[in-house]
Structure formats: structure tokens, C-alpha cells
Amino acid sequence: MACFLVPTAAAVVTTAVGKKVPEKLHFNWLNSMLWGGVAMLAVEHLSHREIVPYPPFLTAGLPEVWPEMMRVGIPMTLIIFLIWGIMVTVAAIISKREYVET
């Protein structure tokens, strides 16, 4: 129900610091992955009526929300960062390979 709050927080932070990160790290990829996941999860939670467009926005209380954020939100966000890291590594390898061939 609130697992999307963790990648939302990460997306806010990465968007805020994105201009200070070197272009070779492709932070735009990370931001796209995070914000896309947040949008997808928000739509899914809205469709299941787990979040509502008025305060307090979540239909469950903190005792239900906190464990889900720890159990689902954090691992999901870490996996996004891992995939982004792999993508950046592969892009760097390809870039070096193209540079050597020319």
C-alpha cells in the first residue's frame, strides 16, 4: 500500500542532486526508472483504493504502512539502483570498446 513512498523519496533526492552528477553516470536513466516505477505503483494503488486523493491519502495507518515500506519498498528501490548500476557499467564498457576500435 505504501511501498511506492520509498522510491518516491529516492526519486526526489536523485532529481535534486542530478545536475551535480557527471553525465557519464546517466542519472537521467535512474530518474526515469524511479519516477516511472512511482507512477506505475501510484496508479496501481489508486485502482485498488489503497490511496485516496484526500488527507490522510493512505487508507491504512502507520502500523500497516511501515512494514510494507521496509519489506517491499526498500528492496524494490535497491534493485532499481542495482539495475541502473549494471546499465551504467555496460554503457561504460561499450563506450570504451568503441573508443578502442576507432
Protein backbone atom coordinates (compact mmCIF):
# COMPACT_ATOMS: atom_id res chain seq x y z
CA MET A 1 0.00 0.00 0.00
CA ALA A 2 2.83 2.43 0.64
CA CYS A 3 5.76 0.68 -0.98
CA PHE A 4 5.89 3.45 -3.58
CA LEU A 5 6.89 6.01 -0.93
CA VAL A 6 10.47 4.69 -0.76
CA PRO A 7 11.22 5.04 -4.49
CA THR A 8 9.40 8.39 -4.40
CA ALA A 9 11.78 9.66 -1.73
CA ALA A 10 14.75 8.31 -3.69
CA ALA A 11 13.47 9.95 -6.89
CA VAL A 12 13.08 13.30 -5.16
CA VAL A 13 16.65 13.12 -3.86
CA THR A 14 18.18 11.96 -7.15
CA THR A 15 16.28 14.64 -9.06
CA ALA A 16 17.54 17.30 -6.66
CA VAL A 17 21.20 16.27 -6.96
CA GLY A 18 21.04 15.19 -10.61
CA LYS A 19 22.60 18.37 -12.01
CA LYS A 20 25.71 17.86 -9.87
CA VAL A 21 26.35 14.29 -11.04
CA PRO A 22 28.68 13.67 -14.02
CA GLU A 23 26.88 12.88 -17.28
CA LYS A 24 28.77 9.59 -17.61
CA LEU A 25 26.72 8.20 -14.71
CA HIS A 26 23.48 8.62 -16.70
CA PHE A 27 21.46 9.88 -13.74
CA ASN A 28 18.61 10.58 -16.16
CA TRP A 29 18.25 6.81 -16.57
CA LEU A 30 17.97 6.36 -12.83
CA ASN A 31 15.44 9.17 -12.50
CA SER A 32 13.37 7.76 -15.35
CA MET A 33 13.34 4.32 -13.75
CA LEU A 34 12.42 5.68 -10.32
CA TRP A 35 9.72 8.13 -11.46
CA GLY A 36 8.28 5.59 -13.91
CA GLY A 37 8.03 3.00 -11.15
CA VAL A 38 6.45 5.52 -8.81
CA ALA A 39 3.84 6.47 -11.40
CA MET A 40 3.05 2.83 -12.15
CA LEU A 41 2.73 1.93 -8.47
CA ALA A 42 0.65 5.01 -7.68
CA VAL A 43 -1.83 4.10 -10.43
CA GLU A 44 -1.95 0.51 -9.17
CA HIS A 45 -2.57 1.62 -5.59
CA LEU A 46 -5.21 4.13 -6.72
CA SER A 47 -7.02 1.45 -8.69
CA HIS A 48 -7.12 -0.77 -5.61
CA ARG A 49 -8.31 2.16 -3.48
CA GLU A 50 -5.30 1.89 -1.18
CA ILE A 51 -4.58 5.59 -1.59
CA VAL A 52 -7.16 8.34 -1.89
CA PRO A 53 -6.97 11.91 -3.24
CA TYR A 54 -7.73 13.50 0.13
CA PRO A 55 -5.94 13.53 3.50
CA PRO A 56 -4.59 11.32 5.01
CA PHE A 57 -4.12 9.86 1.47
CA LEU A 58 -3.26 6.34 2.68
CA THR A 59 -6.13 4.10 3.71
CA ALA A 60 -4.01 2.29 6.28
CA GLY A 61 -2.20 3.54 9.33
CA LEU A 62 1.49 3.61 10.13
CA PRO A 63 1.46 0.10 11.71
CA GLU A 64 0.49 -1.35 8.31
CA VAL A 65 2.47 1.08 6.16
CA TRP A 66 5.86 0.87 7.87
CA PRO A 67 6.38 -2.91 7.48
CA GLU A 68 5.42 -2.74 3.81
CA MET A 69 7.89 0.06 3.19
CA MET A 70 10.63 -1.99 4.88
CA ARG A 71 9.69 -5.33 3.30
CA VAL A 72 8.81 -4.19 -0.23
CA GLY A 73 9.76 -0.54 -0.80
CA ILE A 74 13.40 -0.69 0.23
CA PRO A 75 14.29 -3.91 -1.64
CA MET A 76 12.45 -2.66 -4.73
CA THR A 77 14.37 0.64 -4.64
CA LEU A 78 17.70 -1.14 -4.09
CA ILE A 79 17.01 -3.37 -7.09
CA ILE A 80 16.33 -0.29 -9.23
CA PHE A 81 19.69 1.15 -8.14
CA LEU A 82 21.38 -2.19 -8.88
CA ILE A 83 19.89 -2.38 -12.38
CA TRP A 84 20.91 1.23 -13.02
CA GLY A 85 24.45 0.41 -11.87
CA ILE A 86 24.60 -2.53 -14.27
CA MET A 87 23.31 -0.35 -17.10
CA VAL A 88 25.94 2.33 -16.42
CA THR A 89 28.69 -0.31 -16.26
CA VAL A 90 27.62 -1.88 -19.55
CA ALA A 91 27.41 1.56 -21.19
CA ALA A 92 30.93 2.38 -19.98
CA ILE A 93 32.28 -0.92 -21.34
CA ILE A 94 30.62 -0.35 -24.71
CA SER A 95 31.91 3.22 -24.83
CA LYS A 96 35.47 2.09 -24.10
CA ARG A 97 35.22 -0.65 -26.69
CA GLU A 98 34.02 1.81 -29.36
CA TYR A 99 36.82 4.23 -28.41
CA VAL A 100 39.47 1.50 -28.81
CA GLU A 101 38.11 0.38 -32.20
CA THR A 102 38.28 3.86 -33.72
